[in-house]
Structures are given as C-alpha cells and as structure tokens.
Amino acid sequence: MVVKRLIERGHTAVGVSRSKPQLGELGGRFESRVGDMTDRNFVAASIQDCEGVITCLGQRRKSASFWSARTSPADILAAVTRAVVAAIGTDASKHLVYLSAFGVGADLKKHSIIFRMILRSSKLWDAYQDHANAEKIMNSSHVSWTIVRPPGLTDAEKEVLLVDLGDRWSSFATVSRKSLARFLVECVENKATIHKSMTIGEVKS
C-alpha cells in the first residue's frame, strides 16, 4: 500500500525486499530489487538515487497468532536497520521513516497491564525487543530519521487522518493499513518530522 500511495502522489519508487513482491501493474515509476537487506552494499546501491527511505519490515511467524513461532531471525529488524543506516551514512538528504510498533521503547510502560502480560507471554515480545534495538541504532546515528509507532492494523477500507497522539493512546486501539500508508508517505515528504518518534492513531471525537 505504501508503494501504491507513493506512485499516486507522483513519486518514483524502488521496492527493496527479501522476495519478489506481488504488486500488480504500477507502471514505469516502480522498480523492484530483491536481495539481502542486511547487506549494506546491496541497500546502498538500491537507495542511491532515493530521497526518502520507508522501512516496513516485520518479523515473520508461522501464523498470525501472537504465540506462533517466529520464522525469521530474532534480530532481523535491527540487522536491516543497521545496514540502512550504514548505507545512508551522513547523507542528510535521505529521510529514513521507520515503521515500529505501539509501545516500543520508552512507551512500553504506558501499555495497560493486560497488554504487557500478553506481550511478555507471546512471541510479540521478540518483535518488540527487535524494534527497540532498531530504534536505538537510529537514535545513535547521524541519519535523518522518523520513527512511527502505530497500533494494531486492520484491512478496513475507510481511510482516516492519523496524528501523533503523544501520551493519549490505548493499548487496544487499531487503524487501517490504508490510513497508515498515507501517514508514512506524508512523513517522508515532511522534513518537520525528522528526529521525531510518533505514537500515532485516530483522533476520537
């Protein structure tokens, strides 16, 4: 959805992934590159002409269950982030937008007790730890980064405006993937979001 939104907004997009994506017909403004995303040289070659980099990588599990066994390396998110940060180096013209998760890092203690219990007892904890390590890598770098922490995601067609909620969020909130894609693209277009960690959601009336 992020790639399609970039194309819709007139951008040329390069999709970097571990396997060939099934995106349908996107026209001449999209290029797919498949390779080892932990390889700094591969990443550098892939993003050399890009002004923005949006990472939407997640850990893979056998099923959607929170308790399903992880099939990707425990540190895949941190390893890819390390490669991306190294590839960007000190190039301040490249804006890195990283898709993290609700309650990662300093936000963890803000989760409800019930949600923290679920996290600790499930395989989600691995992903949270990996996201936290990836965020630390960005925070200690010279890269122009933005960290986006969304709540649970749905396939709802409705697209809503998402904002940085600060401390005003709920552990069990959700947003649509469609709305999130819009927010990520707007972030990479907006230099004012650089060096901000945003816990996002829908503003309830």
N, C-alpha and C. Protein backbone atom coordinates (compact mmCIF):
# COMPACT_ATOMS: atom_id res chain seq x y z
N MET A 1 0.81 -1.21 0.00
CA MET A 1 0.00 0.00 0.00
C MET A 1 0.85 1.27 0.00
N VAL A 2 2.00 1.21 0.65
CA VAL A 2 2.88 2.37 0.70
C VAL A 2 3.40 2.69 -0.70
N VAL A 3 3.83 1.65 -1.42
CA VAL A 3 4.34 1.87 -2.78
C VAL A 3 3.26 2.48 -3.67
N LYS A 4 2.05 1.93 -3.58
CA LYS A 4 0.96 2.45 -4.41
C LYS A 4 0.65 3.90 -4.06
N ARG A 5 0.70 4.25 -2.77
CA ARG A 5 0.44 5.63 -2.37
C ARG A 5 1.55 6.56 -2.88
N LEU A 6 2.78 6.10 -2.86
CA LEU A 6 3.89 6.91 -3.39
C LEU A 6 3.67 7.20 -4.88
N ILE A 7 3.28 6.15 -5.62
CA ILE A 7 3.03 6.32 -7.05
C ILE A 7 1.89 7.28 -7.28
N GLU A 8 0.83 7.15 -6.51
CA GLU A 8 -0.34 8.03 -6.64
C GLU A 8 0.03 9.49 -6.41
N ARG A 9 0.99 9.73 -5.55
CA ARG A 9 1.40 11.10 -5.23
C ARG A 9 2.50 11.60 -6.14
N GLY A 10 2.79 10.85 -7.21
CA GLY A 10 3.71 11.32 -8.24
C GLY A 10 5.16 10.96 -8.04
N HIS A 11 5.45 10.12 -7.06
CA HIS A 11 6.83 9.74 -6.79
C HIS A 11 7.25 8.55 -7.65
N THR A 12 8.54 8.39 -7.84
CA THR A 12 9.11 7.17 -8.40
C THR A 12 9.58 6.33 -7.22
N ALA A 13 9.22 5.05 -7.21
CA ALA A 13 9.51 4.20 -6.05
C ALA A 13 10.40 3.02 -6.41
N VAL A 14 11.28 2.68 -5.48
CA VAL A 14 12.11 1.48 -5.58
C VAL A 14 11.72 0.58 -4.42
N GLY A 15 11.22 -0.61 -4.72
CA GLY A 15 10.84 -1.56 -3.67
C GLY A 15 11.98 -2.52 -3.40
N VAL A 16 12.48 -2.52 -2.17
CA VAL A 16 13.58 -3.41 -1.77
C VAL A 16 13.01 -4.46 -0.83
N SER A 17 13.18 -5.73 -1.17
CA SER A 17 12.56 -6.79 -0.37
C SER A 17 13.38 -8.06 -0.40
N ARG A 18 13.00 -9.01 0.49
CA ARG A 18 13.70 -10.29 0.56
C ARG A 18 13.21 -11.25 -0.51
N SER A 19 11.99 -11.03 -1.02
CA SER A 19 11.43 -11.87 -2.08
C SER A 19 10.61 -10.98 -3.02
N LYS A 20 10.36 -11.45 -4.23
CA LYS A 20 9.68 -10.62 -5.22
C LYS A 20 8.25 -10.32 -4.78
N PRO A 21 7.89 -9.03 -4.70
CA PRO A 21 6.54 -8.67 -4.25
C PRO A 21 5.50 -8.86 -5.35
N GLN A 22 4.25 -9.07 -4.93
CA GLN A 22 3.13 -9.19 -5.86
C GLN A 22 2.31 -7.90 -5.78
N LEU A 23 2.70 -6.92 -6.59
CA LEU A 23 2.08 -5.60 -6.50
C LEU A 23 1.19 -5.25 -7.68
N GLY A 24 1.14 -6.11 -8.66
CA GLY A 24 0.32 -5.81 -9.82
C GLY A 24 0.98 -4.77 -10.72
N GLU A 25 0.23 -4.14 -11.56
CA GLU A 25 0.74 -3.17 -12.52
C GLU A 25 0.86 -1.79 -11.89
N LEU A 26 2.10 -1.30 -11.80
CA LEU A 26 2.34 0.02 -11.21
C LEU A 26 2.94 1.00 -12.22
N GLY A 27 3.11 0.55 -13.45
CA GLY A 27 3.64 1.46 -14.45
C GLY A 27 5.15 1.59 -14.38
N GLY A 28 5.66 2.59 -15.08
CA GLY A 28 7.10 2.75 -15.20
C GLY A 28 7.78 3.47 -14.05
N ARG A 29 6.99 3.87 -13.02
CA ARG A 29 7.60 4.61 -11.91
C ARG A 29 7.89 3.72 -10.71
N PHE A 30 7.99 2.41 -10.96
CA PHE A 30 8.30 1.48 -9.88
C PHE A 30 9.35 0.47 -10.33
N GLU A 31 10.33 0.24 -9.46
CA GLU A 31 11.37 -0.76 -9.72
C GLU A 31 11.51 -1.65 -8.50
N SER A 32 11.54 -2.96 -8.72
CA SER A 32 11.68 -3.92 -7.62
C SER A 32 13.10 -4.47 -7.59
N ARG A 33 13.69 -4.46 -6.40
CA ARG A 33 15.02 -5.02 -6.21
C ARG A 33 14.96 -6.05 -5.08
N VAL A 34 15.40 -7.26 -5.38
CA VAL A 34 15.34 -8.35 -4.41
C VAL A 34 16.76 -8.73 -4.00
N GLY A 35 16.96 -8.84 -2.69
CA GLY A 35 18.29 -9.20 -2.23
C GLY A 35 18.36 -9.27 -0.72
N ASP A 36 19.59 -9.35 -0.21
CA ASP A 36 19.83 -9.44 1.22
C ASP A 36 19.77 -8.04 1.83
N MET A 37 18.73 -7.78 2.57
CA MET A 37 18.52 -6.44 3.11
C MET A 37 19.42 -6.13 4.31
N THR A 38 20.19 -7.12 4.75
CA THR A 38 21.18 -6.86 5.80
C THR A 38 22.55 -6.55 5.20
N ASP A 39 22.62 -6.57 3.88
CA ASP A 39 23.87 -6.29 3.16
C ASP A 39 23.95 -4.80 2.86
N ARG A 40 24.86 -4.11 3.52
CA ARG A 40 24.99 -2.66 3.37
C ARG A 40 25.19 -2.26 1.91
N ASN A 41 25.99 -3.01 1.18
CA ASN A 41 26.29 -2.65 -0.22
C ASN A 41 25.06 -2.79 -1.11
N PHE A 42 24.27 -3.87 -0.89
CA PHE A 42 23.04 -4.04 -1.66
C PHE A 42 22.06 -2.90 -1.37
N VAL A 43 21.90 -2.57 -0.10
CA VAL A 43 20.99 -1.49 0.28
C VAL A 43 21.47 -0.16 -0.29
N ALA A 44 22.76 0.11 -0.18
CA ALA A 44 23.31 1.38 -0.68
C ALA A 44 23.07 1.53 -2.18
N ALA A 45 23.27 0.46 -2.93
CA ALA A 45 23.06 0.52 -4.37
C ALA A 45 21.58 0.71 -4.70
N SER A 46 20.70 0.15 -3.87
CA SER A 46 19.26 0.22 -4.12
C SER A 46 18.69 1.61 -3.84
N ILE A 47 19.24 2.32 -2.85
CA ILE A 47 18.67 3.61 -2.44
C ILE A 47 19.50 4.80 -2.87
N GLN A 48 20.51 4.58 -3.69
CA GLN A 48 21.44 5.67 -4.00
C GLN A 48 20.76 6.88 -4.66
N ASP A 49 19.70 6.67 -5.41
CA ASP A 49 19.02 7.78 -6.07
C ASP A 49 17.72 8.18 -5.36
N CYS A 50 17.53 7.68 -4.15
CA CYS A 50 16.29 7.95 -3.42
C CYS A 50 16.47 9.08 -2.41
N GLU A 51 15.47 9.92 -2.30
CA GLU A 51 15.50 10.99 -1.30
C GLU A 51 14.90 10.53 0.02
N GLY A 52 14.01 9.54 -0.05
CA GLY A 52 13.37 9.02 1.16
C GLY A 52 13.44 7.50 1.20
N VAL A 53 13.51 6.96 2.42
CA VAL A 53 13.53 5.52 2.63
C VAL A 53 12.47 5.18 3.69
N ILE A 54 11.50 4.35 3.34
CA ILE A 54 10.48 3.92 4.28
C ILE A 54 10.66 2.44 4.54
N THR A 55 10.92 2.05 5.78
CA THR A 55 11.08 0.63 6.09
C THR A 55 9.83 0.13 6.79
N CYS A 56 9.25 -0.93 6.22
CA CYS A 56 8.01 -1.53 6.76
C CYS A 56 8.22 -3.00 7.07
N LEU A 57 9.42 -3.36 7.39
CA LEU A 57 9.77 -4.76 7.62
C LEU A 57 9.20 -5.26 8.95
N GLY A 58 8.81 -6.51 8.98
CA GLY A 58 8.34 -7.12 10.22
C GLY A 58 8.92 -8.50 10.38
N GLN A 59 8.88 -9.01 11.60
CA GLN A 59 9.30 -10.39 11.83
C GLN A 59 8.23 -11.33 11.29
N ARG A 60 8.68 -12.44 10.73
CA ARG A 60 7.76 -13.44 10.21
C ARG A 60 7.48 -14.49 11.26
N ARG A 61 6.20 -14.93 11.33
CA ARG A 61 5.81 -16.04 12.21
C ARG A 61 5.05 -17.06 11.38
N LYS A 62 4.90 -18.26 11.92
CA LYS A 62 4.22 -19.33 11.20
C LYS A 62 2.77 -19.01 10.92
N SER A 63 2.16 -18.23 11.80
CA SER A 63 0.77 -17.83 11.60
C SER A 63 0.57 -16.46 12.23
N ALA A 64 -0.64 -15.93 12.13
CA ALA A 64 -0.94 -14.60 12.68
C ALA A 64 -1.10 -14.62 14.20
N SER A 65 -1.15 -15.79 14.80
CA SER A 65 -1.29 -15.89 16.25
C SER A 65 -0.13 -15.24 16.96
N PHE A 66 -0.42 -14.53 18.05
CA PHE A 66 0.63 -13.89 18.84
C PHE A 66 1.62 -14.91 19.40
N TRP A 67 1.18 -16.16 19.54
CA TRP A 67 2.02 -17.19 20.15
C TRP A 67 2.67 -18.10 19.10
N SER A 68 2.48 -17.77 17.83
CA SER A 68 3.06 -18.59 16.77
C SER A 68 4.58 -18.42 16.72
N ALA A 69 5.28 -19.50 16.41
CA ALA A 69 6.74 -19.49 16.38
C ALA A 69 7.28 -18.54 15.32
N ARG A 70 8.34 -17.85 15.66
CA ARG A 70 8.99 -16.93 14.74
C ARG A 70 9.78 -17.73 13.71
N THR A 71 9.73 -17.31 12.42
CA THR A 71 10.47 -17.99 11.36
C THR A 71 11.61 -17.13 10.82
N SER A 72 11.68 -15.88 11.22
CA SER A 72 12.78 -15.01 10.80
C SER A 72 13.78 -14.88 11.95
N PRO A 73 15.01 -14.44 11.67
CA PRO A 73 15.99 -14.27 12.75
C PRO A 73 15.48 -13.31 13.83
N ALA A 74 15.90 -13.52 15.06
CA ALA A 74 15.42 -12.72 16.19
C ALA A 74 15.81 -11.25 16.06
N ASP A 75 16.88 -10.97 15.31
CA ASP A 75 17.37 -9.59 15.20
C ASP A 75 17.24 -9.02 13.79
N ILE A 76 16.30 -9.55 13.01
CA ILE A 76 16.20 -9.14 11.60
C ILE A 76 15.95 -7.64 11.44
N LEU A 77 15.11 -7.06 12.30
CA LEU A 77 14.78 -5.65 12.18
C LEU A 77 15.99 -4.77 12.50
N ALA A 78 16.71 -5.13 13.55
CA ALA A 78 17.91 -4.37 13.91
C ALA A 78 19.00 -4.54 12.85
N ALA A 79 19.13 -5.76 12.31
CA ALA A 79 20.16 -6.01 11.30
C ALA A 79 19.91 -5.22 10.03
N VAL A 80 18.64 -5.17 9.59
CA VAL A 80 18.31 -4.39 8.39
C VAL A 80 18.50 -2.89 8.67
N THR A 81 18.07 -2.44 9.84
CA THR A 81 18.23 -1.03 10.18
C THR A 81 19.70 -0.64 10.21
N ARG A 82 20.53 -1.51 10.75
CA ARG A 82 21.97 -1.25 10.79
C ARG A 82 22.53 -1.09 9.37
N ALA A 83 22.06 -1.93 8.45
CA ALA A 83 22.52 -1.85 7.06
C ALA A 83 22.03 -0.57 6.39
N VAL A 84 20.77 -0.20 6.65
CA VAL A 84 20.20 1.02 6.05
C VAL A 84 20.92 2.25 6.58
N VAL A 85 21.14 2.31 7.89
CA VAL A 85 21.84 3.45 8.49
C VAL A 85 23.25 3.57 7.94
N ALA A 86 23.94 2.44 7.79
CA ALA A 86 25.29 2.45 7.23
C ALA A 86 25.28 2.89 5.78
N ALA A 87 24.26 2.45 5.03
CA ALA A 87 24.16 2.82 3.61
C ALA A 87 23.90 4.30 3.43
N ILE A 88 23.08 4.87 4.31
CA ILE A 88 22.78 6.31 4.23
C ILE A 88 23.96 7.12 4.71
N GLY A 89 24.62 6.67 5.75
CA GLY A 89 25.78 7.37 6.28
C GLY A 89 25.44 8.76 6.77
N THR A 90 26.16 9.74 6.27
CA THR A 90 25.93 11.13 6.68
C THR A 90 25.17 11.92 5.62
N ASP A 91 24.53 11.21 4.70
CA ASP A 91 23.78 11.88 3.63
C ASP A 91 22.47 12.43 4.20
N ALA A 92 22.49 13.69 4.60
CA ALA A 92 21.33 14.32 5.24
C ALA A 92 20.16 14.51 4.29
N SER A 93 20.38 14.32 2.98
CA SER A 93 19.29 14.49 2.01
C SER A 93 18.33 13.31 2.02
N LYS A 94 18.76 12.19 2.61
CA LYS A 94 17.91 11.00 2.65
C LYS A 94 17.16 10.95 3.98
N HIS A 95 15.84 10.86 3.90
CA HIS A 95 14.98 10.84 5.08
C HIS A 95 14.50 9.41 5.31
N LEU A 96 14.89 8.83 6.44
CA LEU A 96 14.51 7.46 6.79
C LEU A 96 13.27 7.47 7.69
N VAL A 97 12.20 6.82 7.24
CA VAL A 97 10.98 6.67 8.05
C VAL A 97 10.87 5.20 8.42
N TYR A 98 10.89 4.93 9.73
CA TYR A 98 10.91 3.54 10.23
C TYR A 98 9.57 3.20 10.87
N LEU A 99 8.96 2.12 10.40
CA LEU A 99 7.69 1.65 10.96
C LEU A 99 7.98 0.73 12.14
N SER A 100 7.69 1.22 13.34
CA SER A 100 7.90 0.47 14.56
C SER A 100 6.56 -0.07 15.06
N ALA A 101 6.29 0.00 16.35
CA ALA A 101 5.02 -0.51 16.89
C ALA A 101 4.64 0.24 18.16
N PHE A 102 3.35 0.27 18.42
CA PHE A 102 2.79 0.87 19.63
C PHE A 102 3.53 0.37 20.88
N GLY A 103 4.00 1.27 21.71
CA GLY A 103 4.55 0.86 23.00
C GLY A 103 5.97 0.36 23.00
N VAL A 104 6.70 0.56 21.92
CA VAL A 104 8.10 0.14 21.87
C VAL A 104 8.95 1.15 22.63
N GLY A 105 10.02 0.67 23.21
CA GLY A 105 10.97 1.57 23.87
C GLY A 105 10.39 2.24 25.09
N ALA A 106 10.53 3.57 25.15
CA ALA A 106 10.08 4.34 26.31
C ALA A 106 8.58 4.24 26.52
N ASP A 107 7.84 3.88 25.46
CA ASP A 107 6.38 3.79 25.57
C ASP A 107 5.90 2.50 26.21
N LEU A 108 6.79 1.53 26.43
CA LEU A 108 6.37 0.21 26.88
C LEU A 108 5.58 0.27 28.20
N LYS A 109 6.04 1.07 29.15
CA LYS A 109 5.39 1.14 30.46
C LYS A 109 4.03 1.84 30.40
N LYS A 110 3.72 2.47 29.26
CA LYS A 110 2.44 3.15 29.11
C LYS A 110 1.33 2.19 28.67
N HIS A 111 1.72 0.96 28.27
CA HIS A 111 0.72 -0.05 27.91
C HIS A 111 -0.06 -0.46 29.16
N SER A 112 -1.27 -0.93 28.94
CA SER A 112 -2.06 -1.47 30.04
C SER A 112 -1.38 -2.72 30.58
N ILE A 113 -1.67 -3.06 31.84
CA ILE A 113 -1.08 -4.24 32.46
C ILE A 113 -1.44 -5.50 31.68
N ILE A 114 -2.70 -5.58 31.23
CA ILE A 114 -3.15 -6.76 30.47
C ILE A 114 -2.33 -6.91 29.19
N PHE A 115 -2.13 -5.79 28.49
CA PHE A 115 -1.39 -5.87 27.23
C PHE A 115 0.07 -6.25 27.49
N ARG A 116 0.65 -5.72 28.55
CA ARG A 116 2.03 -6.07 28.88
C ARG A 116 2.16 -7.56 29.21
N MET A 117 1.15 -8.11 29.85
CA MET A 117 1.16 -9.54 30.15
C MET A 117 1.10 -10.37 28.87
N ILE A 118 0.27 -9.92 27.91
CA ILE A 118 0.19 -10.59 26.60
C ILE A 118 1.53 -10.53 25.89
N LEU A 119 2.13 -9.35 25.91
CA LEU A 119 3.43 -9.17 25.26
C LEU A 119 4.47 -10.13 25.82
N ARG A 120 4.58 -10.14 27.13
CA ARG A 120 5.61 -10.94 27.79
C ARG A 120 5.44 -12.44 27.56
N SER A 121 4.19 -12.88 27.40
CA SER A 121 3.92 -14.32 27.27
C SER A 121 3.86 -14.79 25.82
N SER A 122 3.92 -13.85 24.87
CA SER A 122 3.76 -14.21 23.46
C SER A 122 5.03 -13.95 22.67
N LYS A 123 4.98 -14.34 21.40
CA LYS A 123 6.12 -14.13 20.51
C LYS A 123 6.22 -12.68 20.05
N LEU A 124 5.22 -11.88 20.38
CA LEU A 124 5.31 -10.45 20.07
C LEU A 124 6.47 -9.80 20.80
N TRP A 125 6.83 -10.36 21.95
CA TRP A 125 7.91 -9.78 22.74
C TRP A 125 9.22 -9.75 21.95
N ASP A 126 9.47 -10.80 21.16
CA ASP A 126 10.68 -10.83 20.32
C ASP A 126 10.70 -9.64 19.37
N ALA A 127 9.55 -9.39 18.73
CA ALA A 127 9.46 -8.30 17.76
C ALA A 127 9.63 -6.94 18.46
N TYR A 128 9.04 -6.79 19.64
CA TYR A 128 9.17 -5.53 20.39
C TYR A 128 10.62 -5.26 20.76
N GLN A 129 11.32 -6.29 21.20
CA GLN A 129 12.73 -6.13 21.54
C GLN A 129 13.57 -5.78 20.32
N ASP A 130 13.23 -6.41 19.21
CA ASP A 130 13.94 -6.15 17.95
C ASP A 130 13.70 -4.71 17.48
N HIS A 131 12.42 -4.27 17.54
CA HIS A 131 12.11 -2.88 17.19
C HIS A 131 12.86 -1.91 18.09
N ALA A 132 12.90 -2.21 19.39
CA ALA A 132 13.59 -1.33 20.34
C ALA A 132 15.07 -1.20 20.00
N ASN A 133 15.70 -2.30 19.63
CA ASN A 133 17.11 -2.27 19.24
C ASN A 133 17.31 -1.49 17.95
N ALA A 134 16.38 -1.64 17.01
CA ALA A 134 16.46 -0.89 15.76
C ALA A 134 16.35 0.61 16.03
N GLU A 135 15.44 0.98 16.92
CA GLU A 135 15.28 2.40 17.27
C GLU A 135 16.56 2.96 17.90
N LYS A 136 17.22 2.16 18.74
CA LYS A 136 18.48 2.59 19.37
C LYS A 136 19.55 2.86 18.32
N ILE A 137 19.58 2.02 17.29
CA ILE A 137 20.56 2.20 16.21
C ILE A 137 20.34 3.53 15.51
N MET A 138 19.09 3.86 15.22
CA MET A 138 18.79 5.13 14.57
C MET A 138 19.10 6.31 15.47
N ASN A 139 18.74 6.19 16.74
CA ASN A 139 18.96 7.29 17.68
C ASN A 139 20.44 7.62 17.87
N SER A 140 21.29 6.63 17.71
CA SER A 140 22.73 6.86 17.89
C SER A 140 23.44 7.18 16.58
N SER A 141 22.68 7.34 15.50
CA SER A 141 23.27 7.62 14.18
C SER A 141 23.16 9.09 13.82
N HIS A 142 23.72 9.44 12.67
CA HIS A 142 23.62 10.80 12.15
C HIS A 142 22.56 10.90 11.05
N VAL A 143 21.75 9.86 10.93
CA VAL A 143 20.73 9.80 9.87
C VAL A 143 19.53 10.68 10.21
N SER A 144 18.88 11.22 9.19
CA SER A 144 17.64 11.99 9.36
C SER A 144 16.48 11.00 9.43
N TRP A 145 16.11 10.58 10.63
CA TRP A 145 15.12 9.53 10.80
C TRP A 145 13.82 10.05 11.39
N THR A 146 12.75 9.29 11.14
CA THR A 146 11.46 9.47 11.79
C THR A 146 10.97 8.08 12.20
N ILE A 147 10.52 7.93 13.44
CA ILE A 147 10.00 6.66 13.92
C ILE A 147 8.50 6.77 14.09
N VAL A 148 7.76 5.84 13.47
CA VAL A 148 6.30 5.84 13.53
C VAL A 148 5.84 4.58 14.26
N ARG A 149 5.10 4.76 15.36
CA ARG A 149 4.62 3.64 16.16
C ARG A 149 3.08 3.55 16.05
N PRO A 150 2.58 2.70 15.19
CA PRO A 150 1.12 2.56 15.03
C PRO A 150 0.55 1.52 15.99
N PRO A 151 -0.77 1.54 16.21
CA PRO A 151 -1.43 0.49 16.99
C PRO A 151 -1.66 -0.73 16.11
N GLY A 152 -2.57 -1.61 16.52
CA GLY A 152 -2.91 -2.77 15.71
C GLY A 152 -3.48 -2.36 14.36
N LEU A 153 -3.22 -3.16 13.34
CA LEU A 153 -3.63 -2.81 11.98
C LEU A 153 -4.80 -3.65 11.51
N THR A 154 -5.69 -3.03 10.72
CA THR A 154 -6.84 -3.73 10.14
C THR A 154 -6.83 -3.55 8.62
N ASP A 155 -7.68 -4.31 7.94
CA ASP A 155 -7.81 -4.20 6.49
C ASP A 155 -9.01 -3.34 6.10
N ALA A 156 -9.51 -2.53 7.01
CA ALA A 156 -10.66 -1.68 6.73
C ALA A 156 -10.38 -0.75 5.55
N GLU A 157 -11.39 -0.53 4.73
CA GLU A 157 -11.24 0.33 3.56
C GLU A 157 -11.28 1.81 3.92
N LYS A 158 -11.89 2.12 5.06
CA LYS A 158 -12.02 3.51 5.47
C LYS A 158 -10.64 4.11 5.76
N GLU A 159 -10.39 5.29 5.19
CA GLU A 159 -9.14 5.98 5.42
C GLU A 159 -9.40 7.20 6.30
N VAL A 160 -8.66 7.29 7.41
CA VAL A 160 -8.86 8.38 8.36
C VAL A 160 -7.55 9.12 8.56
N LEU A 161 -7.67 10.33 9.07
CA LEU A 161 -6.50 11.14 9.38
C LEU A 161 -5.85 10.62 10.66
N LEU A 162 -4.56 10.34 10.60
CA LEU A 162 -3.81 9.89 11.77
C LEU A 162 -2.90 11.01 12.26
N VAL A 163 -2.73 11.07 13.56
CA VAL A 163 -1.90 12.11 14.17
C VAL A 163 -1.03 11.51 15.26
N ASP A 164 -0.05 12.27 15.68
CA ASP A 164 0.77 11.88 16.82
C ASP A 164 -0.06 12.08 18.09
N LEU A 165 -0.34 10.99 18.80
CA LEU A 165 -1.20 11.06 19.98
C LEU A 165 -0.44 11.39 21.26
N GLY A 166 0.90 11.38 21.19
CA GLY A 166 1.66 11.64 22.40
C GLY A 166 1.38 10.57 23.44
N ASP A 167 0.86 10.96 24.60
CA ASP A 167 0.54 10.01 25.67
C ASP A 167 -0.93 9.61 25.68
N ARG A 168 -1.70 10.05 24.69
CA ARG A 168 -3.15 9.87 24.72
C ARG A 168 -3.59 8.67 23.88
N TRP A 169 -3.02 7.49 24.16
CA TRP A 169 -3.37 6.33 23.35
C TRP A 169 -3.76 5.13 24.20
N SER A 170 -4.43 4.20 23.54
CA SER A 170 -4.91 2.98 24.20
C SER A 170 -4.19 1.76 23.62
N SER A 171 -3.88 0.81 24.48
CA SER A 171 -3.17 -0.40 24.05
C SER A 171 -3.94 -1.19 23.00
N PHE A 172 -5.26 -1.10 23.00
CA PHE A 172 -6.07 -1.94 22.13
C PHE A 172 -6.71 -1.17 20.97
N ALA A 173 -6.17 -0.01 20.66
CA ALA A 173 -6.65 0.77 19.51
C ALA A 173 -6.21 0.10 18.21
N THR A 174 -6.87 0.45 17.11
CA THR A 174 -6.50 -0.04 15.78
C THR A 174 -6.60 1.08 14.76
N VAL A 175 -5.88 0.92 13.64
CA VAL A 175 -6.01 1.81 12.49
C VAL A 175 -5.93 0.94 11.24
N SER A 176 -6.41 1.45 10.13
CA SER A 176 -6.36 0.69 8.89
C SER A 176 -4.98 0.80 8.25
N ARG A 177 -4.58 -0.25 7.55
CA ARG A 177 -3.31 -0.22 6.81
C ARG A 177 -3.32 0.89 5.77
N LYS A 178 -4.49 1.14 5.21
CA LYS A 178 -4.63 2.19 4.20
C LYS A 178 -4.31 3.57 4.81
N SER A 179 -4.82 3.82 6.01
CA SER A 179 -4.55 5.09 6.68
C SER A 179 -3.07 5.20 7.05
N LEU A 180 -2.50 4.09 7.50
CA LEU A 180 -1.08 4.08 7.87
C LEU A 180 -0.19 4.38 6.67
N ALA A 181 -0.50 3.78 5.51
CA ALA A 181 0.29 4.02 4.30
C ALA A 181 0.31 5.51 3.96
N ARG A 182 -0.85 6.13 4.06
CA ARG A 182 -0.93 7.58 3.81
C ARG A 182 -0.03 8.34 4.78
N PHE A 183 -0.08 7.99 6.06
CA PHE A 183 0.70 8.69 7.07
C PHE A 183 2.20 8.54 6.82
N LEU A 184 2.64 7.33 6.47
CA LEU A 184 4.06 7.09 6.23
C LEU A 184 4.57 7.92 5.06
N VAL A 185 3.79 7.99 3.99
CA VAL A 185 4.19 8.77 2.82
C VAL A 185 4.23 10.26 3.16
N GLU A 186 3.25 10.73 3.92
CA GLU A 186 3.24 12.13 4.32
C GLU A 186 4.44 12.45 5.21
N CYS A 187 4.87 11.50 6.03
CA CYS A 187 6.04 11.70 6.88
C CYS A 187 7.31 11.87 6.06
N VAL A 188 7.50 10.99 5.07
CA VAL A 188 8.73 11.05 4.29
C VAL A 188 8.78 12.31 3.43
N GLU A 189 7.62 12.90 3.17
CA GLU A 189 7.56 14.15 2.41
C GLU A 189 7.77 15.38 3.30
N ASN A 190 7.68 15.19 4.60
CA ASN A 190 7.68 16.31 5.53
C ASN A 190 8.95 16.31 6.39
N LYS A 191 9.87 17.21 6.13
CA LYS A 191 11.13 17.28 6.87
C LYS A 191 10.90 17.68 8.33
N ALA A 192 9.75 18.24 8.64
CA ALA A 192 9.46 18.65 10.02
C ALA A 192 9.32 17.45 10.95
N THR A 193 9.18 16.25 10.38
CA THR A 193 9.04 15.05 11.22
C THR A 193 10.38 14.42 11.56
N ILE A 194 11.46 14.95 11.04
CA ILE A 194 12.79 14.38 11.27
C ILE A 194 13.13 14.42 12.76
N HIS A 195 13.68 13.30 13.24
CA HIS A 195 14.09 13.10 14.63
C HIS A 195 12.91 13.16 15.60
N LYS A 196 11.75 12.71 15.11
CA LYS A 196 10.58 12.58 15.96
C LYS A 196 10.15 11.12 16.05
N SER A 197 9.80 10.67 17.24
CA SER A 197 9.22 9.34 17.45
C SER A 197 7.74 9.58 17.76
N MET A 198 6.87 9.09 16.88
CA MET A 198 5.46 9.39 16.99
C MET A 198 4.62 8.15 17.23
N THR A 199 3.84 8.17 18.31
CA THR A 199 2.86 7.13 18.58
C THR A 199 1.54 7.62 18.01
N ILE A 200 1.09 6.98 16.95
CA ILE A 200 0.01 7.56 16.16
C ILE A 200 -1.32 6.85 16.34
N GLY A 201 -2.37 7.52 15.93
CA GLY A 201 -3.70 6.95 15.99
C GLY A 201 -4.73 7.93 15.47
N GLU A 202 -5.96 7.50 15.51
CA GLU A 202 -7.08 8.35 15.06
C GLU A 202 -7.55 9.22 16.22
N VAL A 203 -7.85 10.47 15.91
CA VAL A 203 -8.40 11.36 16.93
C VAL A 203 -9.87 11.05 17.08
N LYS A 204 -10.28 10.65 18.26
CA LYS A 204 -11.67 10.32 18.53
C LYS A 204 -12.40 11.58 18.98
N SER A 205 -13.60 11.80 18.43
CA SER A 205 -14.39 12.98 18.80
C SER A 205 -15.10 12.76 20.13
